[in-house]
Amino acid sequence: ATDVKVPMSTYGIGPIFGLVAIVLTVAGILLRDKWIFKSGIPD
């Protein structure tokens, strides 16, 4: 073969980033009224 290019990735870094985004978002929602984070909720 000559001048062969690697096929483009369908997903790229999507699964890694998506998983990190889900974990951090869920953690943020679950921790919203816990410990020191309670003071971040407006009155």
ModelCIF file with pLDDT and N, C-alpha, C, O atoms, coordinates in Angstrom:
data_MODEL
#
_entry.id   MODEL 
#
_entity.id                         1 
_entity.type                       polymer 
_entity.pdbx_number_of_molecules   1 
#
_entity_poly.entity_id                      1 
_entity_poly.type                           'polypeptide(L)' 
_entity_poly.nstd_linkage                   no 
_entity_poly.nstd_monomer                   no 
_entity_poly.pdbx_seq_one_letter_code       ATDVKVPMSTYGIGPIFGLVAIVLTVAGILLRDKWIFKSGIPD 
_entity_poly.pdbx_seq_one_letter_code_can   ATDVKVPMSTYGIGPIFGLVAIVLTVAGILLRDKWIFKSGIPD 
_entity_poly.pdbx_strand_id                 A 
#
loop_
_entity_poly_seq.entity_id 
_entity_poly_seq.num 
_entity_poly_seq.mon_id 
_entity_poly_seq.hetero 
1 1  ALA n 
1 2  THR n 
1 3  ASP n 
1 4  VAL n 
1 5  LYS n 
1 6  VAL n 
1 7  PRO n 
1 8  MET n 
1 9  SER n 
1 10 THR n 
1 11 TYR n 
1 12 GLY n 
1 13 ILE n 
1 14 GLY n 
1 15 PRO n 
1 16 ILE n 
1 17 PHE n 
1 18 GLY n 
1 19 LEU n 
1 20 VAL n 
1 21 ALA n 
1 22 ILE n 
1 23 VAL n 
1 24 LEU n 
1 25 THR n 
1 26 VAL n 
1 27 ALA n 
1 28 GLY n 
1 29 ILE n 
1 30 LEU n 
1 31 LEU n 
1 32 ARG n 
1 33 ASP n 
1 34 LYS n 
1 35 TRP n 
1 36 ILE n 
1 37 PHE n 
1 38 LYS n 
1 39 SER n 
1 40 GLY n 
1 41 ILE n 
1 42 PRO n 
1 43 ASP n 
#
_struct_asym.id          A 
_struct_asym.entity_id   1 
#
loop_
_ma_qa_metric.id 
_ma_qa_metric.mode 
_ma_qa_metric.name 
_ma_qa_metric.software_group_id 
_ma_qa_metric.type 
1 global pLDDT . pLDDT 
2 local  pLDDT . pLDDT 
#
_ma_qa_metric_global.metric_id      1 
_ma_qa_metric_global.metric_value   70.60 
_ma_qa_metric_global.model_id       1 
_ma_qa_metric_global.ordinal_id     1 
#
loop_
_ma_qa_metric_local.label_asym_id 
_ma_qa_metric_local.label_comp_id 
_ma_qa_metric_local.label_seq_id 
_ma_qa_metric_local.metric_id 
_ma_qa_metric_local.metric_value 
_ma_qa_metric_local.model_id 
_ma_qa_metric_local.ordinal_id 
A ALA 1  2 34.00 1 1  
A THR 2  2 41.00 1 2  
A ASP 3  2 43.00 1 3  
A VAL 4  2 42.00 1 4  
A LYS 5  2 53.00 1 5  
A VAL 6  2 50.00 1 6  
A PRO 7  2 52.00 1 7  
A MET 8  2 51.00 1 8  
A SER 9  2 52.00 1 9  
A THR 10 2 53.00 1 10 
A TYR 11 2 59.00 1 11 
A GLY 12 2 70.00 1 12 
A ILE 13 2 77.00 1 13 
A GLY 14 2 77.00 1 14 
A PRO 15 2 83.00 1 15 
A ILE 16 2 85.00 1 16 
A PHE 17 2 88.00 1 17 
A GLY 18 2 86.00 1 18 
A LEU 19 2 89.00 1 19 
A VAL 20 2 88.00 1 20 
A ALA 21 2 90.00 1 21 
A ILE 22 2 90.00 1 22 
A VAL 23 2 88.00 1 23 
A LEU 24 2 86.00 1 24 
A THR 25 2 87.00 1 25 
A VAL 26 2 87.00 1 26 
A ALA 27 2 82.00 1 27 
A GLY 28 2 82.00 1 28 
A ILE 29 2 82.00 1 29 
A LEU 30 2 83.00 1 30 
A LEU 31 2 76.00 1 31 
A ARG 32 2 75.00 1 32 
A ASP 33 2 72.00 1 33 
A LYS 34 2 73.00 1 34 
A TRP 35 2 73.00 1 35 
A ILE 36 2 66.00 1 36 
A PHE 37 2 66.00 1 37 
A LYS 38 2 68.00 1 38 
A SER 39 2 62.00 1 39 
A GLY 40 2 62.00 1 40 
A ILE 41 2 71.00 1 41 
A PRO 42 2 69.00 1 42 
A ASP 43 2 73.00 1 43 
#
loop_
_atom_site.group_PDB 
_atom_site.id 
_atom_site.type_symbol 
_atom_site.label_atom_id 
_atom_site.label_alt_id 
_atom_site.label_comp_id 
_atom_site.label_asym_id 
_atom_site.label_entity_id 
_atom_site.label_seq_id 
_atom_site.pdbx_PDB_ins_code 
_atom_site.Cartn_x 
_atom_site.Cartn_y 
_atom_site.Cartn_z 
_atom_site.occupancy 
_atom_site.B_iso_or_equiv 
_atom_site.pdbx_formal_charge 
_atom_site.auth_seq_id 
_atom_site.auth_comp_id 
_atom_site.auth_asym_id 
_atom_site.auth_atom_id 
_atom_site.pdbx_PDB_model_num 
ATOM 1   N N  . ALA A 1 1  ? 0.844   -1.195 0.000  1.00 34.00 ? 1  ALA A N  1 
ATOM 2   C CA . ALA A 1 1  ? 0.000   0.000  0.000  1.00 34.00 ? 1  ALA A CA 1 
ATOM 3   C C  . ALA A 1 1  ? 0.877   1.242  0.000  1.00 34.00 ? 1  ALA A C  1 
ATOM 4   O O  . ALA A 1 1  ? 1.935   1.278  0.628  1.00 34.00 ? 1  ALA A O  1 
ATOM 5   N N  . THR A 1 2  ? 0.423   2.240  -0.704 1.00 41.00 ? 2  THR A N  1 
ATOM 6   C CA . THR A 1 2  ? 1.121   3.525  -0.707 1.00 41.00 ? 2  THR A CA 1 
ATOM 7   C C  . THR A 1 2  ? 0.137   4.614  -0.334 1.00 41.00 ? 2  THR A C  1 
ATOM 8   O O  . THR A 1 2  ? -1.052  4.520  -0.636 1.00 41.00 ? 2  THR A O  1 
ATOM 9   N N  . ASP A 1 3  ? 0.642   5.657  0.330  1.00 43.00 ? 3  ASP A N  1 
ATOM 10  C CA . ASP A 1 3  ? -0.162  6.813  0.701  1.00 43.00 ? 3  ASP A CA 1 
ATOM 11  C C  . ASP A 1 3  ? -1.408  6.412  1.491  1.00 43.00 ? 3  ASP A C  1 
ATOM 12  O O  . ASP A 1 3  ? -2.512  6.872  1.200  1.00 43.00 ? 3  ASP A O  1 
ATOM 13  N N  . VAL A 1 4  ? -1.219  5.551  2.490  1.00 42.00 ? 4  VAL A N  1 
ATOM 14  C CA . VAL A 1 4  ? -2.335  5.075  3.300  1.00 42.00 ? 4  VAL A CA 1 
ATOM 15  C C  . VAL A 1 4  ? -2.526  6.021  4.480  1.00 42.00 ? 4  VAL A C  1 
ATOM 16  O O  . VAL A 1 4  ? -1.563  6.402  5.146  1.00 42.00 ? 4  VAL A O  1 
ATOM 17  N N  . LYS A 1 5  ? -3.776  6.395  4.730  1.00 53.00 ? 5  LYS A N  1 
ATOM 18  C CA . LYS A 1 5  ? -4.093  7.218  5.895  1.00 53.00 ? 5  LYS A CA 1 
ATOM 19  C C  . LYS A 1 5  ? -4.892  6.379  6.875  1.00 53.00 ? 5  LYS A C  1 
ATOM 20  O O  . LYS A 1 5  ? -5.733  5.570  6.484  1.00 53.00 ? 5  LYS A O  1 
ATOM 21  N N  . VAL A 1 6  ? -4.618  6.581  8.140  1.00 50.00 ? 6  VAL A N  1 
ATOM 22  C CA . VAL A 1 6  ? -5.363  5.889  9.174  1.00 50.00 ? 6  VAL A CA 1 
ATOM 23  C C  . VAL A 1 6  ? -6.798  6.396  9.140  1.00 50.00 ? 6  VAL A C  1 
ATOM 24  O O  . VAL A 1 6  ? -7.022  7.601  9.028  1.00 50.00 ? 6  VAL A O  1 
ATOM 25  N N  . PRO A 1 7  ? -7.778  5.490  9.236  1.00 52.00 ? 7  PRO A N  1 
ATOM 26  C CA . PRO A 1 7  ? -9.168  5.951  9.197  1.00 52.00 ? 7  PRO A CA 1 
ATOM 27  C C  . PRO A 1 7  ? -9.479  6.882  10.358 1.00 52.00 ? 7  PRO A C  1 
ATOM 28  O O  . PRO A 1 7  ? -8.904  6.755  11.439 1.00 52.00 ? 7  PRO A O  1 
ATOM 29  N N  . MET A 1 8  ? -10.390 7.817  10.127 1.00 51.00 ? 8  MET A N  1 
ATOM 30  C CA . MET A 1 8  ? -10.788 8.751  11.174 1.00 51.00 ? 8  MET A CA 1 
ATOM 31  C C  . MET A 1 8  ? -11.568 7.997  12.245 1.00 51.00 ? 8  MET A C  1 
ATOM 32  O O  . MET A 1 8  ? -12.352 7.098  11.942 1.00 51.00 ? 8  MET A O  1 
ATOM 33  N N  . SER A 1 9  ? -11.348 8.368  13.475 1.00 52.00 ? 9  SER A N  1 
ATOM 34  C CA . SER A 1 9  ? -12.045 7.747  14.592 1.00 52.00 ? 9  SER A CA 1 
ATOM 35  C C  . SER A 1 9  ? -13.493 8.228  14.633 1.00 52.00 ? 9  SER A C  1 
ATOM 36  O O  . SER A 1 9  ? -13.772 9.415  14.461 1.00 52.00 ? 9  SER A O  1 
ATOM 37  N N  . THR A 1 10 ? -14.394 7.302  14.860 1.00 53.00 ? 10 THR A N  1 
ATOM 38  C CA . THR A 1 10 ? -15.810 7.659  14.953 1.00 53.00 ? 10 THR A CA 1 
ATOM 39  C C  . THR A 1 10 ? -16.108 8.330  16.285 1.00 53.00 ? 10 THR A C  1 
ATOM 40  O O  . THR A 1 10 ? -16.893 9.277  16.340 1.00 53.00 ? 10 THR A O  1 
ATOM 41  N N  . TYR A 1 11 ? -15.495 7.855  17.349 1.00 59.00 ? 11 TYR A N  1 
ATOM 42  C CA . TYR A 1 11 ? -15.827 8.355  18.681 1.00 59.00 ? 11 TYR A CA 1 
ATOM 43  C C  . TYR A 1 11 ? -14.792 9.307  19.249 1.00 59.00 ? 11 TYR A C  1 
ATOM 44  O O  . TYR A 1 11 ? -15.131 10.136 20.094 1.00 59.00 ? 11 TYR A O  1 
ATOM 45  N N  . GLY A 1 12 ? -13.558 9.219  18.822 1.00 70.00 ? 12 GLY A N  1 
ATOM 46  C CA . GLY A 1 12 ? -12.523 10.084 19.362 1.00 70.00 ? 12 GLY A CA 1 
ATOM 47  C C  . GLY A 1 12 ? -12.394 9.920  20.863 1.00 70.00 ? 12 GLY A C  1 
ATOM 48  O O  . GLY A 1 12 ? -12.409 8.805  21.386 1.00 70.00 ? 12 GLY A O  1 
ATOM 49  N N  . ILE A 1 13 ? -12.267 11.037 21.541 1.00 77.00 ? 13 ILE A N  1 
ATOM 50  C CA . ILE A 1 13 ? -12.142 11.012 23.003 1.00 77.00 ? 13 ILE A CA 1 
ATOM 51  C C  . ILE A 1 13 ? -13.510 11.085 23.676 1.00 77.00 ? 13 ILE A C  1 
ATOM 52  O O  . ILE A 1 13 ? -13.604 11.213 24.897 1.00 77.00 ? 13 ILE A O  1 
ATOM 53  N N  . GLY A 1 14 ? -14.565 11.003 22.874 1.00 77.00 ? 14 GLY A N  1 
ATOM 54  C CA . GLY A 1 14 ? -15.934 11.139 23.377 1.00 77.00 ? 14 GLY A CA 1 
ATOM 55  C C  . GLY A 1 14 ? -16.275 10.267 24.569 1.00 77.00 ? 14 GLY A C  1 
ATOM 56  O O  . GLY A 1 14 ? -16.784 10.782 25.565 1.00 77.00 ? 14 GLY A O  1 
ATOM 57  N N  . PRO A 1 15 ? -16.015 8.955  24.512 1.00 83.00 ? 15 PRO A N  1 
ATOM 58  C CA . PRO A 1 15 ? -16.371 8.115  25.660 1.00 83.00 ? 15 PRO A CA 1 
ATOM 59  C C  . PRO A 1 15 ? -15.652 8.519  26.944 1.00 83.00 ? 15 PRO A C  1 
ATOM 60  O O  . PRO A 1 15 ? -16.255 8.511  28.017 1.00 83.00 ? 15 PRO A O  1 
ATOM 61  N N  . ILE A 1 16 ? -14.379 8.869  26.844 1.00 85.00 ? 16 ILE A N  1 
ATOM 62  C CA . ILE A 1 16 ? -13.622 9.281  28.039 1.00 85.00 ? 16 ILE A CA 1 
ATOM 63  C C  . ILE A 1 16 ? -14.194 10.585 28.590 1.00 85.00 ? 16 ILE A C  1 
ATOM 64  O O  . ILE A 1 16 ? -14.495 10.693 29.779 1.00 85.00 ? 16 ILE A O  1 
ATOM 65  N N  . PHE A 1 17 ? -14.338 11.580 27.700 1.00 88.00 ? 17 PHE A N  1 
ATOM 66  C CA . PHE A 1 17 ? -14.844 12.866 28.154 1.00 88.00 ? 17 PHE A CA 1 
ATOM 67  C C  . PHE A 1 17 ? -16.277 12.751 28.663 1.00 88.00 ? 17 PHE A C  1 
ATOM 68  O O  . PHE A 1 17 ? -16.622 13.344 29.685 1.00 88.00 ? 17 PHE A O  1 
ATOM 69  N N  . GLY A 1 18 ? -17.109 11.997 27.960 1.00 86.00 ? 18 GLY A N  1 
ATOM 70  C CA . GLY A 1 18 ? -18.494 11.824 28.382 1.00 86.00 ? 18 GLY A CA 1 
ATOM 71  C C  . GLY A 1 18 ? -18.597 11.215 29.768 1.00 86.00 ? 18 GLY A C  1 
ATOM 72  O O  . GLY A 1 18 ? -19.403 11.660 30.585 1.00 86.00 ? 18 GLY A O  1 
ATOM 73  N N  . LEU A 1 19 ? -17.782 10.196 30.039 1.00 89.00 ? 19 LEU A N  1 
ATOM 74  C CA . LEU A 1 19 ? -17.793 9.546  31.350 1.00 89.00 ? 19 LEU A CA 1 
ATOM 75  C C  . LEU A 1 19 ? -17.352 10.510 32.444 1.00 89.00 ? 19 LEU A C  1 
ATOM 76  O O  . LEU A 1 19 ? -17.975 10.583 33.503 1.00 89.00 ? 19 LEU A O  1 
ATOM 77  N N  . VAL A 1 20 ? -16.278 11.247 32.185 1.00 88.00 ? 20 VAL A N  1 
ATOM 78  C CA . VAL A 1 20 ? -15.803 12.229 33.170 1.00 88.00 ? 20 VAL A CA 1 
ATOM 79  C C  . VAL A 1 20 ? -16.876 13.293 33.418 1.00 88.00 ? 20 VAL A C  1 
ATOM 80  O O  . VAL A 1 20 ? -17.114 13.678 34.563 1.00 88.00 ? 20 VAL A O  1 
ATOM 81  N N  . ALA A 1 21 ? -17.521 13.767 32.354 1.00 90.00 ? 21 ALA A N  1 
ATOM 82  C CA . ALA A 1 21 ? -18.566 14.787 32.494 1.00 90.00 ? 21 ALA A CA 1 
ATOM 83  C C  . ALA A 1 21 ? -19.743 14.267 33.314 1.00 90.00 ? 21 ALA A C  1 
ATOM 84  O O  . ALA A 1 21 ? -20.270 14.983 34.165 1.00 90.00 ? 21 ALA A O  1 
ATOM 85  N N  . ILE A 1 22 ? -20.151 13.042 33.066 1.00 90.00 ? 22 ILE A N  1 
ATOM 86  C CA . ILE A 1 22 ? -21.277 12.459 33.819 1.00 90.00 ? 22 ILE A CA 1 
ATOM 87  C C  . ILE A 1 22 ? -20.902 12.317 35.290 1.00 90.00 ? 22 ILE A C  1 
ATOM 88  O O  . ILE A 1 22 ? -21.676 12.698 36.168 1.00 90.00 ? 22 ILE A O  1 
ATOM 89  N N  . VAL A 1 23 ? -19.725 11.773 35.560 1.00 88.00 ? 23 VAL A N  1 
ATOM 90  C CA . VAL A 1 23 ? -19.300 11.551 36.955 1.00 88.00 ? 23 VAL A CA 1 
ATOM 91  C C  . VAL A 1 23 ? -19.224 12.879 37.711 1.00 88.00 ? 23 VAL A C  1 
ATOM 92  O O  . VAL A 1 23 ? -19.748 12.993 38.820 1.00 88.00 ? 23 VAL A O  1 
ATOM 93  N N  . LEU A 1 24 ? -18.575 13.880 37.118 1.00 86.00 ? 24 LEU A N  1 
ATOM 94  C CA . LEU A 1 24 ? -18.444 15.171 37.809 1.00 86.00 ? 24 LEU A CA 1 
ATOM 95  C C  . LEU A 1 24 ? -19.795 15.869 37.986 1.00 86.00 ? 24 LEU A C  1 
ATOM 96  O O  . LEU A 1 24 ? -20.047 16.478 39.025 1.00 86.00 ? 24 LEU A O  1 
ATOM 97  N N  . THR A 1 25 ? -20.659 15.782 36.977 1.00 87.00 ? 25 THR A N  1 
ATOM 98  C CA . THR A 1 25 ? -21.968 16.425 37.075 1.00 87.00 ? 25 THR A CA 1 
ATOM 99  C C  . THR A 1 25 ? -22.824 15.759 38.146 1.00 87.00 ? 25 THR A C  1 
ATOM 100 O O  . THR A 1 25 ? -23.436 16.444 38.965 1.00 87.00 ? 25 THR A O  1 
ATOM 101 N N  . VAL A 1 26 ? -22.871 14.444 38.148 1.00 87.00 ? 26 VAL A N  1 
ATOM 102 C CA . VAL A 1 26 ? -23.655 13.719 39.159 1.00 87.00 ? 26 VAL A CA 1 
ATOM 103 C C  . VAL A 1 26 ? -23.080 13.992 40.553 1.00 87.00 ? 26 VAL A C  1 
ATOM 104 O O  . VAL A 1 26 ? -23.836 14.211 41.500 1.00 87.00 ? 26 VAL A O  1 
ATOM 105 N N  . ALA A 1 27 ? -21.756 13.980 40.684 1.00 82.00 ? 27 ALA A N  1 
ATOM 106 C CA . ALA A 1 27 ? -21.138 14.276 41.983 1.00 82.00 ? 27 ALA A CA 1 
ATOM 107 C C  . ALA A 1 27 ? -21.504 15.687 42.435 1.00 82.00 ? 27 ALA A C  1 
ATOM 108 O O  . ALA A 1 27 ? -21.807 15.907 43.607 1.00 82.00 ? 27 ALA A O  1 
ATOM 109 N N  . GLY A 1 28 ? -21.476 16.640 41.509 1.00 82.00 ? 28 GLY A N  1 
ATOM 110 C CA . GLY A 1 28 ? -21.844 18.017 41.853 1.00 82.00 ? 28 GLY A CA 1 
ATOM 111 C C  . GLY A 1 28 ? -23.283 18.134 42.316 1.00 82.00 ? 28 GLY A C  1 
ATOM 112 O O  . GLY A 1 28 ? -23.579 18.875 43.253 1.00 82.00 ? 28 GLY A O  1 
ATOM 113 N N  . ILE A 1 29 ? -24.174 17.408 41.668 1.00 82.00 ? 29 ILE A N  1 
ATOM 114 C CA . ILE A 1 29 ? -25.587 17.445 42.056 1.00 82.00 ? 29 ILE A CA 1 
ATOM 115 C C  . ILE A 1 29 ? -25.791 16.768 43.413 1.00 82.00 ? 29 ILE A C  1 
ATOM 116 O O  . ILE A 1 29 ? -26.524 17.278 44.261 1.00 82.00 ? 29 ILE A O  1 
ATOM 117 N N  . LEU A 1 30 ? -25.141 15.618 43.614 1.00 83.00 ? 30 LEU A N  1 
ATOM 118 C CA . LEU A 1 30 ? -25.300 14.892 44.877 1.00 83.00 ? 30 LEU A CA 1 
ATOM 119 C C  . LEU A 1 30 ? -24.664 15.615 46.062 1.00 83.00 ? 30 LEU A C  1 
ATOM 120 O O  . LEU A 1 30 ? -25.137 15.490 47.192 1.00 83.00 ? 30 LEU A O  1 
ATOM 121 N N  . LEU A 1 31 ? -23.612 16.359 45.813 1.00 76.00 ? 31 LEU A N  1 
ATOM 122 C CA . LEU A 1 31 ? -22.912 17.054 46.901 1.00 76.00 ? 31 LEU A CA 1 
ATOM 123 C C  . LEU A 1 31 ? -23.404 18.485 47.122 1.00 76.00 ? 31 LEU A C  1 
ATOM 124 O O  . LEU A 1 31 ? -22.851 19.203 47.955 1.00 76.00 ? 31 LEU A O  1 
ATOM 125 N N  . ARG A 1 32 ? -24.412 18.896 46.406 1.00 75.00 ? 32 ARG A N  1 
ATOM 126 C CA . ARG A 1 32 ? -24.862 20.296 46.436 1.00 75.00 ? 32 ARG A CA 1 
ATOM 127 C C  . ARG A 1 32 ? -25.227 20.784 47.833 1.00 75.00 ? 32 ARG A C  1 
ATOM 128 O O  . ARG A 1 32 ? -25.011 21.954 48.147 1.00 75.00 ? 32 ARG A O  1 
ATOM 129 N N  . ASP A 1 33 ? -25.776 19.915 48.677 1.00 72.00 ? 33 ASP A N  1 
ATOM 130 C CA . ASP A 1 33 ? -26.180 20.361 50.015 1.00 72.00 ? 33 ASP A CA 1 
ATOM 131 C C  . ASP A 1 33 ? -25.491 19.548 51.120 1.00 72.00 ? 33 ASP A C  1 
ATOM 132 O O  . ASP A 1 33 ? -26.060 19.303 52.184 1.00 72.00 ? 33 ASP A O  1 
ATOM 133 N N  . LYS A 1 34 ? -24.262 19.144 50.835 1.00 73.00 ? 34 LYS A N  1 
ATOM 134 C CA . LYS A 1 34 ? -23.480 18.376 51.803 1.00 73.00 ? 34 LYS A CA 1 
ATOM 135 C C  . LYS A 1 34 ? -22.279 19.203 52.270 1.00 73.00 ? 34 LYS A C  1 
ATOM 136 O O  . LYS A 1 34 ? -21.759 20.040 51.532 1.00 73.00 ? 34 LYS A O  1 
ATOM 137 N N  . TRP A 1 35 ? -21.857 18.955 53.490 1.00 73.00 ? 35 TRP A N  1 
ATOM 138 C CA . TRP A 1 35 ? -20.655 19.518 54.096 1.00 73.00 ? 35 TRP A CA 1 
ATOM 139 C C  . TRP A 1 35 ? -20.523 21.021 53.856 1.00 73.00 ? 35 TRP A C  1 
ATOM 140 O O  . TRP A 1 35 ? -21.464 21.786 54.067 1.00 73.00 ? 35 TRP A O  1 
ATOM 141 N N  . ILE A 1 36 ? -19.340 21.422 53.415 1.00 66.00 ? 36 ILE A N  1 
ATOM 142 C CA . ILE A 1 36 ? -19.080 22.848 53.229 1.00 66.00 ? 36 ILE A CA 1 
ATOM 143 C C  . ILE A 1 36 ? -19.803 23.412 52.005 1.00 66.00 ? 36 ILE A C  1 
ATOM 144 O O  . ILE A 1 36 ? -19.903 24.629 51.848 1.00 66.00 ? 36 ILE A O  1 
ATOM 145 N N  . PHE A 1 37 ? -20.302 22.539 51.149 1.00 66.00 ? 37 PHE A N  1 
ATOM 146 C CA . PHE A 1 37 ? -20.962 23.017 49.936 1.00 66.00 ? 37 PHE A CA 1 
ATOM 147 C C  . PHE A 1 37 ? -22.331 23.645 50.218 1.00 66.00 ? 37 PHE A C  1 
ATOM 148 O O  . PHE A 1 37 ? -22.860 24.362 49.369 1.00 66.00 ? 37 PHE A O  1 
ATOM 149 N N  . LYS A 1 38 ? -22.922 23.383 51.414 1.00 68.00 ? 38 LYS A N  1 
ATOM 150 C CA . LYS A 1 38 ? -24.241 23.923 51.744 1.00 68.00 ? 38 LYS A CA 1 
ATOM 151 C C  . LYS A 1 38 ? -24.316 25.433 51.588 1.00 68.00 ? 38 LYS A C  1 
ATOM 152 O O  . LYS A 1 38 ? -25.343 25.972 51.175 1.00 68.00 ? 38 LYS A O  1 
ATOM 153 N N  . SER A 1 39 ? -23.233 26.107 51.916 1.00 62.00 ? 39 SER A N  1 
ATOM 154 C CA . SER A 1 39 ? -23.255 27.574 51.874 1.00 62.00 ? 39 SER A CA 1 
ATOM 155 C C  . SER A 1 39 ? -23.317 28.118 50.447 1.00 62.00 ? 39 SER A C  1 
ATOM 156 O O  . SER A 1 39 ? -23.487 29.323 50.260 1.00 62.00 ? 39 SER A O  1 
ATOM 157 N N  . GLY A 1 40 ? -23.182 27.260 49.442 1.00 62.00 ? 40 GLY A N  1 
ATOM 158 C CA . GLY A 1 40 ? -23.248 27.708 48.052 1.00 62.00 ? 40 GLY A CA 1 
ATOM 159 C C  . GLY A 1 40 ? -24.663 27.809 47.514 1.00 62.00 ? 40 GLY A C  1 
ATOM 160 O O  . GLY A 1 40 ? -24.865 28.251 46.383 1.00 62.00 ? 40 GLY A O  1 
ATOM 161 N N  . ILE A 1 41 ? -25.650 27.403 48.314 1.00 71.00 ? 41 ILE A N  1 
ATOM 162 C CA . ILE A 1 41 ? -27.050 27.468 47.871 1.00 71.00 ? 41 ILE A CA 1 
ATOM 163 C C  . ILE A 1 41 ? -27.608 28.825 48.285 1.00 71.00 ? 41 ILE A C  1 
ATOM 164 O O  . ILE A 1 41 ? -27.601 29.148 49.473 1.00 71.00 ? 41 ILE A O  1 
ATOM 165 N N  . PRO A 1 42 ? -28.093 29.633 47.333 1.00 69.00 ? 42 PRO A N  1 
ATOM 166 C CA . PRO A 1 42 ? -28.595 30.972 47.673 1.00 69.00 ? 42 PRO A CA 1 
ATOM 167 C C  . PRO A 1 42 ? -29.894 30.905 48.481 1.00 69.00 ? 42 PRO A C  1 
ATOM 168 O O  . PRO A 1 42 ? -30.699 29.988 48.320 1.00 69.00 ? 42 PRO A O  1 
ATOM 169 N N  . ASP A 1 43 ? -30.075 31.904 49.357 1.00 73.00 ? 43 ASP A N  1 
ATOM 170 C CA . ASP A 1 43 ? -31.280 31.989 50.171 1.00 73.00 ? 43 ASP A CA 1 
ATOM 171 C C  . ASP A 1 43 ? -32.447 32.579 49.392 1.00 73.00 ? 43 ASP A C  1 
ATOM 172 O O  . ASP A 1 43 ? -33.543 32.720 49.934 1.00 73.00 ? 43 ASP A O  1 
#
